[in-house]
Amino acid sequence: MNEIETLMAVSLGLGLAAASGFRVFIPPFAYGLFLRFDMMPIPIEMSGFSGWMASDLGLVILGAAMVIEILGYYIPWIDNLLDTIASPAAVLAGVLMMSSTLSDSNPMIQWGISIIAGGSVSGVVQVGTVATRAVSTATTGGLGNPVVSTVEAGACIFCTIIALLLPILALILVIALVGYSGNTLRKKISGDKPQSQNTP
């Protein structure tokens, strides 16, 4: 890879990792489709995880998992249960998506960037969605969670498409998403701390 392709590969990987923080299975399914029909903006080696995602079996499994995940988030309280499973899964998905886009790189660089950047980005976004859902559950008794789920799924699809079509723009969106998620988490932590009382 030359410098431009490397920058685009990193941007693509970070965009897909961020999208994985919203929903685990939409990004790899869409990525597999783009690989299958040779629609990627940069050359990606079709081997290992990338090859599996673009295979018939991979697309069927990822497609079924995607549908189940999307529907599960529309069932009150089940969505909170899914968050406990999705959080570590999102980090893993972020690492795998990032490593897939850097498959032509030195393995140490590939996995170092994937674990540090890909896993962190997807983890931060996932934590932000969990915090948002917790606020929705606490304030609406779970009735507002389907709205949150719709927004999250839409954000995931949007981020995935932007990452696949316009990787550099996706990099800018990732920076904004990480900042927003970090701010949401900071506010939740601040709100959970007991207020100190001044004694006369």
N, C-alpha and C. Protein backbone atom coordinates (compact mmCIF):
# COMPACT_ATOMS: atom_id res chain seq x y z
N MET A 1 0.83 -1.20 0.00
CA MET A 1 0.00 0.00 0.00
C MET A 1 0.87 1.25 0.00
N ASN A 2 0.46 2.27 -0.80
CA ASN A 2 1.13 3.55 -0.71
C ASN A 2 0.52 4.37 0.42
N GLU A 3 1.02 5.59 0.61
CA GLU A 3 0.58 6.40 1.74
C GLU A 3 -0.92 6.73 1.67
N ILE A 4 -1.40 7.06 0.47
CA ILE A 4 -2.81 7.41 0.31
C ILE A 4 -3.70 6.20 0.60
N GLU A 5 -3.33 5.04 0.08
CA GLU A 5 -4.12 3.83 0.32
C GLU A 5 -4.09 3.44 1.79
N THR A 6 -2.94 3.64 2.45
CA THR A 6 -2.86 3.34 3.87
C THR A 6 -3.77 4.25 4.68
N LEU A 7 -3.76 5.55 4.35
CA LEU A 7 -4.65 6.50 5.04
C LEU A 7 -6.10 6.12 4.83
N MET A 8 -6.45 5.74 3.60
CA MET A 8 -7.83 5.35 3.32
C MET A 8 -8.19 4.05 4.03
N ALA A 9 -7.25 3.12 4.11
CA ALA A 9 -7.49 1.85 4.80
C ALA A 9 -7.73 2.08 6.29
N VAL A 10 -6.92 2.96 6.88
CA VAL A 10 -7.09 3.29 8.31
C VAL A 10 -8.44 3.98 8.53
N SER A 11 -8.77 4.93 7.64
CA SER A 11 -10.04 5.65 7.75
C SER A 11 -11.22 4.70 7.59
N LEU A 12 -11.11 3.80 6.62
CA LEU A 12 -12.16 2.80 6.40
C LEU A 12 -12.33 1.91 7.62
N GLY A 13 -11.21 1.44 8.15
CA GLY A 13 -11.26 0.56 9.33
C GLY A 13 -11.84 1.27 10.54
N LEU A 14 -11.45 2.51 10.77
CA LEU A 14 -11.98 3.26 11.92
C LEU A 14 -13.47 3.54 11.75
N GLY A 15 -13.87 3.84 10.51
CA GLY A 15 -15.29 4.08 10.25
C GLY A 15 -16.14 2.85 10.52
N LEU A 16 -15.66 1.70 10.06
CA LEU A 16 -16.39 0.45 10.30
C LEU A 16 -16.35 0.05 11.77
N ALA A 17 -15.24 0.35 12.44
CA ALA A 17 -15.13 0.05 13.87
C ALA A 17 -16.12 0.91 14.66
N ALA A 18 -16.21 2.19 14.30
CA ALA A 18 -17.17 3.07 14.98
C ALA A 18 -18.60 2.59 14.75
N ALA A 19 -18.90 2.19 13.52
CA ALA A 19 -20.25 1.68 13.21
C ALA A 19 -20.55 0.43 14.02
N SER A 20 -19.52 -0.39 14.27
CA SER A 20 -19.70 -1.61 15.07
C SER A 20 -20.07 -1.29 16.51
N GLY A 21 -19.76 -0.08 16.96
CA GLY A 21 -20.15 0.33 18.30
C GLY A 21 -21.65 0.52 18.44
N PHE A 22 -22.33 0.80 17.31
CA PHE A 22 -23.78 0.94 17.31
C PHE A 22 -24.47 -0.42 17.15
N ARG A 23 -24.04 -1.18 16.16
CA ARG A 23 -24.56 -2.52 15.92
C ARG A 23 -23.40 -3.40 15.47
N VAL A 24 -23.33 -4.59 16.01
CA VAL A 24 -22.16 -5.44 15.77
C VAL A 24 -22.15 -6.04 14.36
N PHE A 25 -23.32 -6.43 13.85
CA PHE A 25 -23.34 -7.25 12.63
C PHE A 25 -23.63 -6.50 11.33
N ILE A 26 -24.13 -5.28 11.41
CA ILE A 26 -24.40 -4.53 10.17
C ILE A 26 -23.11 -4.22 9.41
N PRO A 27 -22.07 -3.68 10.08
CA PRO A 27 -20.84 -3.33 9.33
C PRO A 27 -20.18 -4.52 8.64
N PRO A 28 -19.97 -5.67 9.31
CA PRO A 28 -19.33 -6.77 8.59
C PRO A 28 -20.18 -7.33 7.46
N PHE A 29 -21.52 -7.29 7.62
CA PHE A 29 -22.38 -7.77 6.54
C PHE A 29 -22.25 -6.87 5.31
N ALA A 30 -22.34 -5.55 5.53
CA ALA A 30 -22.21 -4.61 4.41
C ALA A 30 -20.81 -4.68 3.80
N TYR A 31 -19.81 -4.80 4.65
CA TYR A 31 -18.42 -4.91 4.19
C TYR A 31 -18.24 -6.16 3.33
N GLY A 32 -18.84 -7.27 3.77
CA GLY A 32 -18.78 -8.51 3.01
C GLY A 32 -19.43 -8.36 1.64
N LEU A 33 -20.56 -7.65 1.58
CA LEU A 33 -21.23 -7.42 0.30
C LEU A 33 -20.36 -6.59 -0.63
N PHE A 34 -19.76 -5.54 -0.09
CA PHE A 34 -18.89 -4.69 -0.91
C PHE A 34 -17.69 -5.47 -1.42
N LEU A 35 -17.13 -6.33 -0.57
CA LEU A 35 -16.02 -7.17 -1.02
C LEU A 35 -16.47 -8.14 -2.10
N ARG A 36 -17.62 -8.74 -1.88
CA ARG A 36 -18.13 -9.76 -2.80
C ARG A 36 -18.33 -9.18 -4.21
N PHE A 37 -18.84 -7.95 -4.27
CA PHE A 37 -19.14 -7.35 -5.56
C PHE A 37 -18.06 -6.37 -6.02
N ASP A 38 -16.90 -6.45 -5.38
CA ASP A 38 -15.73 -5.67 -5.79
C ASP A 38 -16.05 -4.18 -5.87
N MET A 39 -16.64 -3.65 -4.79
CA MET A 39 -17.03 -2.24 -4.74
C MET A 39 -16.19 -1.44 -3.75
N MET A 40 -15.10 -2.00 -3.26
CA MET A 40 -14.27 -1.32 -2.27
C MET A 40 -13.51 -0.16 -2.90
N PRO A 41 -13.32 0.93 -2.14
CA PRO A 41 -12.57 2.08 -2.68
C PRO A 41 -11.07 1.85 -2.75
N ILE A 42 -10.58 0.83 -2.06
CA ILE A 42 -9.16 0.47 -2.09
C ILE A 42 -9.04 -1.04 -2.24
N PRO A 43 -7.89 -1.53 -2.73
CA PRO A 43 -7.73 -2.99 -2.84
C PRO A 43 -7.65 -3.64 -1.46
N ILE A 44 -8.45 -4.67 -1.23
CA ILE A 44 -8.44 -5.42 0.03
C ILE A 44 -8.15 -6.89 -0.30
N GLU A 45 -7.20 -7.45 0.41
CA GLU A 45 -6.85 -8.85 0.19
C GLU A 45 -8.00 -9.75 0.65
N MET A 46 -8.49 -10.58 -0.26
CA MET A 46 -9.61 -11.46 0.03
C MET A 46 -9.11 -12.76 0.67
N SER A 47 -8.70 -12.68 1.91
CA SER A 47 -8.23 -13.87 2.61
C SER A 47 -8.62 -13.75 4.08
N GLY A 48 -8.56 -14.85 4.80
CA GLY A 48 -8.86 -14.83 6.22
C GLY A 48 -10.27 -14.35 6.50
N PHE A 49 -10.40 -13.41 7.43
CA PHE A 49 -11.71 -12.91 7.84
C PHE A 49 -12.42 -12.19 6.70
N SER A 50 -11.66 -11.44 5.88
CA SER A 50 -12.25 -10.74 4.74
C SER A 50 -12.87 -11.73 3.76
N GLY A 51 -12.14 -12.78 3.46
CA GLY A 51 -12.65 -13.79 2.55
C GLY A 51 -13.89 -14.48 3.09
N TRP A 52 -13.91 -14.74 4.40
CA TRP A 52 -15.06 -15.40 5.00
C TRP A 52 -16.29 -14.49 4.95
N MET A 53 -16.12 -13.20 5.25
CA MET A 53 -17.24 -12.27 5.22
C MET A 53 -17.87 -12.17 3.84
N ALA A 54 -17.04 -12.31 2.79
CA ALA A 54 -17.54 -12.19 1.42
C ALA A 54 -18.07 -13.51 0.86
N SER A 55 -17.91 -14.61 1.63
CA SER A 55 -18.36 -15.92 1.15
C SER A 55 -19.86 -16.08 1.33
N ASP A 56 -20.43 -17.08 0.65
CA ASP A 56 -21.87 -17.35 0.78
C ASP A 56 -22.23 -17.63 2.23
N LEU A 57 -21.47 -18.50 2.89
CA LEU A 57 -21.75 -18.86 4.27
C LEU A 57 -21.62 -17.65 5.19
N GLY A 58 -20.58 -16.88 4.99
CA GLY A 58 -20.36 -15.70 5.83
C GLY A 58 -21.49 -14.71 5.70
N LEU A 59 -21.93 -14.44 4.48
CA LEU A 59 -23.01 -13.47 4.27
C LEU A 59 -24.33 -13.96 4.85
N VAL A 60 -24.59 -15.26 4.75
CA VAL A 60 -25.84 -15.82 5.31
C VAL A 60 -25.82 -15.70 6.83
N ILE A 61 -24.71 -16.09 7.46
CA ILE A 61 -24.61 -16.03 8.92
C ILE A 61 -24.67 -14.59 9.42
N LEU A 62 -23.90 -13.71 8.78
CA LEU A 62 -23.89 -12.30 9.20
C LEU A 62 -25.24 -11.64 8.95
N GLY A 63 -25.90 -12.00 7.85
CA GLY A 63 -27.21 -11.44 7.55
C GLY A 63 -28.25 -11.86 8.57
N ALA A 64 -28.25 -13.14 8.93
CA ALA A 64 -29.20 -13.64 9.93
C ALA A 64 -28.93 -13.00 11.29
N ALA A 65 -27.65 -12.92 11.68
CA ALA A 65 -27.29 -12.31 12.95
C ALA A 65 -27.68 -10.84 12.98
N MET A 66 -27.53 -10.16 11.86
CA MET A 66 -27.89 -8.75 11.76
C MET A 66 -29.38 -8.53 12.01
N VAL A 67 -30.20 -9.36 11.37
CA VAL A 67 -31.66 -9.24 11.53
C VAL A 67 -32.06 -9.51 12.98
N ILE A 68 -31.51 -10.57 13.57
CA ILE A 68 -31.83 -10.92 14.96
C ILE A 68 -31.42 -9.79 15.90
N GLU A 69 -30.22 -9.23 15.67
CA GLU A 69 -29.74 -8.14 16.53
C GLU A 69 -30.63 -6.91 16.43
N ILE A 70 -31.00 -6.53 15.21
CA ILE A 70 -31.84 -5.34 15.02
C ILE A 70 -33.19 -5.53 15.70
N LEU A 71 -33.82 -6.68 15.48
CA LEU A 71 -35.14 -6.94 16.08
C LEU A 71 -35.06 -7.02 17.59
N GLY A 72 -33.98 -7.62 18.12
CA GLY A 72 -33.84 -7.77 19.56
C GLY A 72 -33.82 -6.46 20.30
N TYR A 73 -33.29 -5.43 19.67
CA TYR A 73 -33.21 -4.12 20.32
C TYR A 73 -34.56 -3.40 20.37
N TYR A 74 -35.58 -3.97 19.77
CA TYR A 74 -36.92 -3.37 19.85
C TYR A 74 -37.78 -4.00 20.93
N ILE A 75 -37.23 -4.96 21.65
CA ILE A 75 -37.96 -5.59 22.75
C ILE A 75 -37.50 -4.98 24.07
N PRO A 76 -38.39 -4.28 24.79
CA PRO A 76 -37.99 -3.63 26.04
C PRO A 76 -37.32 -4.61 27.00
N TRP A 77 -36.30 -4.15 27.67
CA TRP A 77 -35.50 -4.88 28.64
C TRP A 77 -34.57 -5.90 27.99
N ILE A 78 -35.02 -6.53 26.89
CA ILE A 78 -34.11 -7.42 26.17
C ILE A 78 -32.96 -6.61 25.58
N ASP A 79 -33.27 -5.36 25.18
CA ASP A 79 -32.23 -4.51 24.61
C ASP A 79 -31.11 -4.24 25.61
N ASN A 80 -31.47 -4.07 26.89
CA ASN A 80 -30.46 -3.87 27.91
C ASN A 80 -29.62 -5.14 28.11
N LEU A 81 -30.27 -6.30 28.01
CA LEU A 81 -29.55 -7.57 28.11
C LEU A 81 -28.59 -7.72 26.94
N LEU A 82 -29.05 -7.32 25.74
CA LEU A 82 -28.19 -7.41 24.56
C LEU A 82 -26.96 -6.51 24.70
N ASP A 83 -27.12 -5.39 25.41
CA ASP A 83 -25.99 -4.48 25.60
C ASP A 83 -24.85 -5.16 26.35
N THR A 84 -25.19 -6.03 27.29
CA THR A 84 -24.12 -6.71 28.05
C THR A 84 -23.33 -7.66 27.16
N ILE A 85 -24.01 -8.22 26.14
CA ILE A 85 -23.33 -9.11 25.20
C ILE A 85 -22.64 -8.29 24.11
N ALA A 86 -23.31 -7.22 23.68
CA ALA A 86 -22.81 -6.43 22.55
C ALA A 86 -21.55 -5.65 22.89
N SER A 87 -21.38 -5.28 24.15
CA SER A 87 -20.23 -4.44 24.50
C SER A 87 -18.90 -5.12 24.18
N PRO A 88 -18.64 -6.33 24.70
CA PRO A 88 -17.39 -6.99 24.32
C PRO A 88 -17.37 -7.40 22.85
N ALA A 89 -18.55 -7.76 22.31
CA ALA A 89 -18.62 -8.16 20.90
C ALA A 89 -18.28 -6.99 19.99
N ALA A 90 -18.70 -5.78 20.37
CA ALA A 90 -18.42 -4.59 19.57
C ALA A 90 -16.93 -4.31 19.52
N VAL A 91 -16.26 -4.47 20.66
CA VAL A 91 -14.81 -4.26 20.70
C VAL A 91 -14.11 -5.26 19.78
N LEU A 92 -14.51 -6.52 19.87
CA LEU A 92 -13.94 -7.56 19.01
C LEU A 92 -14.20 -7.27 17.54
N ALA A 93 -15.44 -6.84 17.24
CA ALA A 93 -15.79 -6.51 15.85
C ALA A 93 -14.95 -5.35 15.35
N GLY A 94 -14.73 -4.34 16.21
CA GLY A 94 -13.91 -3.21 15.82
C GLY A 94 -12.48 -3.62 15.48
N VAL A 95 -11.94 -4.53 16.29
CA VAL A 95 -10.58 -5.03 16.05
C VAL A 95 -10.52 -5.78 14.73
N LEU A 96 -11.49 -6.66 14.49
CA LEU A 96 -11.50 -7.47 13.28
C LEU A 96 -11.74 -6.64 12.02
N MET A 97 -12.63 -5.66 12.11
CA MET A 97 -12.89 -4.81 10.95
C MET A 97 -11.65 -4.01 10.59
N MET A 98 -10.99 -3.49 11.61
CA MET A 98 -9.78 -2.69 11.38
C MET A 98 -8.66 -3.56 10.79
N SER A 99 -8.49 -4.74 11.35
CA SER A 99 -7.41 -5.62 10.87
C SER A 99 -7.67 -6.06 9.44
N SER A 100 -8.94 -6.21 9.08
CA SER A 100 -9.29 -6.64 7.73
C SER A 100 -8.90 -5.60 6.69
N THR A 101 -9.09 -4.32 7.02
CA THR A 101 -8.76 -3.26 6.06
C THR A 101 -7.25 -3.05 5.96
N LEU A 102 -6.50 -3.53 6.96
CA LEU A 102 -5.04 -3.38 6.96
C LEU A 102 -4.33 -4.70 6.67
N SER A 103 -5.01 -5.59 5.97
CA SER A 103 -4.48 -6.94 5.75
C SER A 103 -3.18 -6.95 4.95
N ASP A 104 -2.92 -5.88 4.18
CA ASP A 104 -1.69 -5.82 3.38
C ASP A 104 -0.52 -5.21 4.16
N SER A 105 -0.76 -4.82 5.41
CA SER A 105 0.28 -4.17 6.21
C SER A 105 1.11 -5.20 6.96
N ASN A 106 2.21 -4.72 7.55
CA ASN A 106 3.02 -5.55 8.43
C ASN A 106 2.14 -6.06 9.57
N PRO A 107 2.17 -7.36 9.89
CA PRO A 107 1.28 -7.91 10.92
C PRO A 107 1.36 -7.19 12.27
N MET A 108 2.54 -6.76 12.67
CA MET A 108 2.66 -6.06 13.95
C MET A 108 1.93 -4.72 13.90
N ILE A 109 2.09 -4.01 12.78
CA ILE A 109 1.38 -2.73 12.62
C ILE A 109 -0.12 -2.98 12.49
N GLN A 110 -0.47 -4.00 11.69
CA GLN A 110 -1.88 -4.34 11.47
C GLN A 110 -2.61 -4.59 12.78
N TRP A 111 -2.08 -5.49 13.61
CA TRP A 111 -2.78 -5.87 14.83
C TRP A 111 -2.61 -4.83 15.93
N GLY A 112 -1.48 -4.12 15.93
CA GLY A 112 -1.30 -3.06 16.92
C GLY A 112 -2.32 -1.96 16.74
N ILE A 113 -2.46 -1.48 15.49
CA ILE A 113 -3.45 -0.43 15.21
C ILE A 113 -4.87 -0.95 15.43
N SER A 114 -5.11 -2.21 15.03
CA SER A 114 -6.45 -2.78 15.16
C SER A 114 -6.90 -2.86 16.61
N ILE A 115 -6.02 -3.33 17.47
CA ILE A 115 -6.38 -3.48 18.89
C ILE A 115 -6.50 -2.13 19.57
N ILE A 116 -5.51 -1.26 19.33
CA ILE A 116 -5.50 0.03 20.02
C ILE A 116 -6.56 0.98 19.47
N ALA A 117 -6.58 1.14 18.14
CA ALA A 117 -7.50 2.12 17.55
C ALA A 117 -8.88 1.52 17.28
N GLY A 118 -8.92 0.40 16.55
CA GLY A 118 -10.21 -0.20 16.21
C GLY A 118 -11.02 -0.61 17.42
N GLY A 119 -10.40 -1.33 18.34
CA GLY A 119 -11.10 -1.77 19.55
C GLY A 119 -11.53 -0.62 20.42
N SER A 120 -10.67 0.39 20.54
CA SER A 120 -10.99 1.54 21.39
C SER A 120 -12.15 2.35 20.83
N VAL A 121 -12.11 2.61 19.52
CA VAL A 121 -13.17 3.41 18.90
C VAL A 121 -14.53 2.73 19.03
N SER A 122 -14.60 1.44 18.69
CA SER A 122 -15.88 0.73 18.80
C SER A 122 -16.33 0.64 20.25
N GLY A 123 -15.37 0.47 21.17
CA GLY A 123 -15.72 0.38 22.59
C GLY A 123 -16.27 1.68 23.13
N VAL A 124 -15.67 2.80 22.74
CA VAL A 124 -16.14 4.11 23.22
C VAL A 124 -17.54 4.40 22.69
N VAL A 125 -17.77 4.11 21.40
CA VAL A 125 -19.10 4.35 20.82
C VAL A 125 -20.13 3.44 21.49
N GLN A 126 -19.78 2.18 21.72
CA GLN A 126 -20.69 1.25 22.38
C GLN A 126 -21.04 1.70 23.79
N VAL A 127 -20.05 2.16 24.53
CA VAL A 127 -20.31 2.66 25.89
C VAL A 127 -21.25 3.85 25.84
N GLY A 128 -21.07 4.71 24.84
CA GLY A 128 -21.97 5.86 24.69
C GLY A 128 -23.41 5.43 24.42
N THR A 129 -23.61 4.38 23.60
CA THR A 129 -24.97 3.91 23.33
C THR A 129 -25.58 3.25 24.56
N VAL A 130 -24.77 2.53 25.32
CA VAL A 130 -25.26 1.91 26.56
C VAL A 130 -25.70 2.98 27.55
N ALA A 131 -24.91 4.03 27.67
CA ALA A 131 -25.25 5.13 28.59
C ALA A 131 -26.54 5.81 28.15
N THR A 132 -26.70 6.02 26.84
CA THR A 132 -27.92 6.64 26.32
C THR A 132 -29.13 5.77 26.59
N ARG A 133 -28.99 4.46 26.39
CA ARG A 133 -30.10 3.54 26.63
C ARG A 133 -30.46 3.49 28.12
N ALA A 134 -29.45 3.56 28.98
CA ALA A 134 -29.69 3.54 30.42
C ALA A 134 -30.49 4.76 30.84
N VAL A 135 -30.16 5.91 30.27
CA VAL A 135 -30.91 7.13 30.57
C VAL A 135 -32.35 7.00 30.08
N SER A 136 -32.53 6.44 28.87
CA SER A 136 -33.86 6.25 28.32
C SER A 136 -34.69 5.29 29.17
N THR A 137 -34.04 4.20 29.62
CA THR A 137 -34.73 3.23 30.47
C THR A 137 -35.15 3.86 31.79
N ALA A 138 -34.27 4.65 32.38
CA ALA A 138 -34.54 5.26 33.68
C ALA A 138 -35.63 6.31 33.59
N THR A 139 -35.67 7.05 32.48
CA THR A 139 -36.63 8.17 32.37
C THR A 139 -37.96 7.77 31.75
N THR A 140 -37.96 6.70 30.93
CA THR A 140 -39.21 6.31 30.26
C THR A 140 -39.67 4.90 30.62
N GLY A 141 -38.93 4.24 31.50
CA GLY A 141 -39.29 2.87 31.86
C GLY A 141 -39.08 1.90 30.71
N GLY A 142 -38.25 2.27 29.76
CA GLY A 142 -37.98 1.41 28.61
C GLY A 142 -38.86 1.69 27.41
N LEU A 143 -39.89 2.54 27.57
CA LEU A 143 -40.79 2.82 26.46
C LEU A 143 -40.13 3.64 25.36
N GLY A 144 -39.14 4.43 25.74
CA GLY A 144 -38.45 5.24 24.74
C GLY A 144 -37.30 4.53 24.05
N ASN A 145 -37.00 3.32 24.51
CA ASN A 145 -35.86 2.60 23.96
C ASN A 145 -35.98 2.24 22.47
N PRO A 146 -37.20 1.92 21.97
CA PRO A 146 -37.30 1.66 20.53
C PRO A 146 -36.87 2.85 19.67
N VAL A 147 -37.14 4.05 20.17
CA VAL A 147 -36.71 5.24 19.43
C VAL A 147 -35.19 5.32 19.41
N VAL A 148 -34.59 5.04 20.59
CA VAL A 148 -33.13 5.02 20.69
C VAL A 148 -32.55 3.96 19.76
N SER A 149 -33.19 2.79 19.73
CA SER A 149 -32.72 1.70 18.87
C SER A 149 -32.77 2.07 17.40
N THR A 150 -33.84 2.76 17.00
CA THR A 150 -33.97 3.19 15.61
C THR A 150 -32.87 4.17 15.24
N VAL A 151 -32.61 5.12 16.14
CA VAL A 151 -31.55 6.10 15.88
C VAL A 151 -30.19 5.41 15.78
N GLU A 152 -29.94 4.46 16.68
CA GLU A 152 -28.67 3.74 16.67
C GLU A 152 -28.48 2.93 15.39
N ALA A 153 -29.53 2.21 14.99
CA ALA A 153 -29.45 1.41 13.76
C ALA A 153 -29.22 2.32 12.56
N GLY A 154 -29.93 3.45 12.53
CA GLY A 154 -29.75 4.41 11.44
C GLY A 154 -28.34 4.98 11.42
N ALA A 155 -27.82 5.29 12.61
CA ALA A 155 -26.45 5.82 12.70
C ALA A 155 -25.44 4.78 12.24
N CYS A 156 -25.69 3.53 12.59
CA CYS A 156 -24.79 2.44 12.17
C CYS A 156 -24.77 2.30 10.65
N ILE A 157 -25.95 2.30 10.04
CA ILE A 157 -26.04 2.17 8.58
C ILE A 157 -25.37 3.36 7.90
N PHE A 158 -25.63 4.56 8.43
CA PHE A 158 -25.05 5.77 7.86
C PHE A 158 -23.51 5.73 7.93
N CYS A 159 -23.00 5.40 9.13
CA CYS A 159 -21.54 5.33 9.32
C CYS A 159 -20.91 4.27 8.42
N THR A 160 -21.60 3.14 8.29
CA THR A 160 -21.07 2.05 7.46
C THR A 160 -20.98 2.46 6.00
N ILE A 161 -22.05 3.06 5.49
CA ILE A 161 -22.07 3.48 4.09
C ILE A 161 -21.02 4.56 3.83
N ILE A 162 -20.93 5.54 4.74
CA ILE A 162 -19.93 6.60 4.58
C ILE A 162 -18.52 6.01 4.60
N ALA A 163 -18.29 5.07 5.52
CA ALA A 163 -16.95 4.44 5.62
C ALA A 163 -16.60 3.71 4.34
N LEU A 164 -17.58 3.03 3.74
CA LEU A 164 -17.32 2.23 2.55
C LEU A 164 -17.19 3.08 1.29
N LEU A 165 -17.89 4.21 1.26
CA LEU A 165 -17.87 5.04 0.05
C LEU A 165 -16.91 6.22 0.15
N LEU A 166 -16.83 6.82 1.35
CA LEU A 166 -16.01 8.02 1.56
C LEU A 166 -15.19 7.86 2.84
N PRO A 167 -14.15 7.04 2.81
CA PRO A 167 -13.40 6.72 4.03
C PRO A 167 -12.83 7.94 4.78
N ILE A 168 -12.34 8.94 4.04
CA ILE A 168 -11.75 10.11 4.70
C ILE A 168 -12.81 10.88 5.48
N LEU A 169 -14.00 11.03 4.90
CA LEU A 169 -15.10 11.67 5.60
C LEU A 169 -15.48 10.87 6.84
N ALA A 170 -15.39 9.55 6.72
CA ALA A 170 -15.69 8.68 7.86
C ALA A 170 -14.74 8.94 9.02
N LEU A 171 -13.49 9.23 8.70
CA LEU A 171 -12.50 9.53 9.75
C LEU A 171 -12.93 10.76 10.55
N ILE A 172 -13.44 11.77 9.85
CA ILE A 172 -13.92 12.99 10.54
C ILE A 172 -15.12 12.65 11.42
N LEU A 173 -16.03 11.83 10.90
CA LEU A 173 -17.21 11.43 11.68
C LEU A 173 -16.81 10.62 12.91
N VAL A 174 -15.79 9.78 12.78
CA VAL A 174 -15.32 8.98 13.91
C VAL A 174 -14.84 9.89 15.04
N ILE A 175 -14.06 10.90 14.68
CA ILE A 175 -13.56 11.84 15.69
C ILE A 175 -14.73 12.50 16.41
N ALA A 176 -15.76 12.91 15.66
CA ALA A 176 -16.94 13.54 16.26
C ALA A 176 -17.70 12.56 17.14
N LEU A 177 -17.85 11.31 16.67
CA LEU A 177 -18.57 10.29 17.44
C LEU A 177 -17.88 9.96 18.75
N VAL A 178 -16.57 9.80 18.69
CA VAL A 178 -15.81 9.48 19.90
C VAL A 178 -15.92 10.63 20.90
N GLY A 179 -15.85 11.85 20.39
CA GLY A 179 -15.99 13.01 21.27
C GLY A 179 -17.37 13.06 21.92
N TYR A 180 -18.42 12.79 21.13
CA TYR A 180 -19.78 12.81 21.66
C TYR A 180 -19.99 11.70 22.69
N SER A 181 -19.53 10.49 22.36
CA SER A 181 -19.70 9.36 23.27
C SER A 181 -18.94 9.59 24.57
N GLY A 182 -17.72 10.11 24.45
CA GLY A 182 -16.94 10.40 25.64
C GLY A 182 -17.60 11.44 26.52
N ASN A 183 -18.20 12.46 25.89
CA ASN A 183 -18.89 13.51 26.65
C ASN A 183 -20.14 12.96 27.32
N THR A 184 -20.89 12.08 26.61
CA THR A 184 -22.08 11.45 27.19
C THR A 184 -21.72 10.61 28.40
N LEU A 185 -20.65 9.84 28.28
CA LEU A 185 -20.21 8.99 29.38
C LEU A 185 -19.76 9.84 30.57
N ARG A 186 -19.05 10.93 30.28
CA ARG A 186 -18.57 11.81 31.35
C ARG A 186 -19.74 12.43 32.12
N LYS A 187 -20.77 12.85 31.39
CA LYS A 187 -21.94 13.43 32.03
C LYS A 187 -22.67 12.41 32.90
N LYS A 188 -22.76 11.16 32.39
CA LYS A 188 -23.45 10.11 33.16
C LYS A 188 -22.70 9.82 34.45
N ILE A 189 -21.36 9.74 34.34
CA ILE A 189 -20.55 9.47 35.53
C ILE A 189 -20.67 10.62 36.53
N SER A 190 -20.66 11.84 36.02
CA SER A 190 -20.79 13.01 36.89
C SER A 190 -22.15 13.02 37.57
N GLY A 191 -23.19 12.61 36.80
CA GLY A 191 -24.54 12.59 37.37
C GLY A 191 -24.72 11.51 38.39
N ASP A 192 -23.96 10.40 38.29
CA ASP A 192 -24.08 9.28 39.24
C ASP A 192 -23.37 9.55 40.56
N LYS A 193 -22.45 10.52 40.55
CA LYS A 193 -21.71 10.80 41.79
C LYS A 193 -22.60 11.52 42.79
N PRO A 194 -22.59 11.12 44.04
CA PRO A 194 -23.41 11.79 45.04
C PRO A 194 -22.95 13.21 45.23
N GLN A 195 -23.92 14.12 45.31
CA GLN A 195 -23.60 15.51 45.53
C GLN A 195 -23.17 15.74 46.96
N SER A 196 -22.04 16.44 47.12
CA SER A 196 -21.55 16.74 48.46
C SER A 196 -22.40 17.81 49.10
N GLN A 197 -22.73 17.64 50.33
CA GLN A 197 -23.55 18.60 51.05
C GLN A 197 -22.67 19.46 51.92
N ASN A 198 -22.95 20.77 51.87
CA ASN A 198 -22.19 21.70 52.70
C ASN A 198 -22.82 21.78 54.06
N THR A 199 -22.04 21.49 55.05
CA THR A 199 -22.53 21.58 56.42
C THR A 199 -22.18 22.93 57.00
N PRO A 200 -23.07 23.54 57.76
CA PRO A 200 -22.78 24.88 58.31
C PRO A 200 -21.65 24.79 59.31
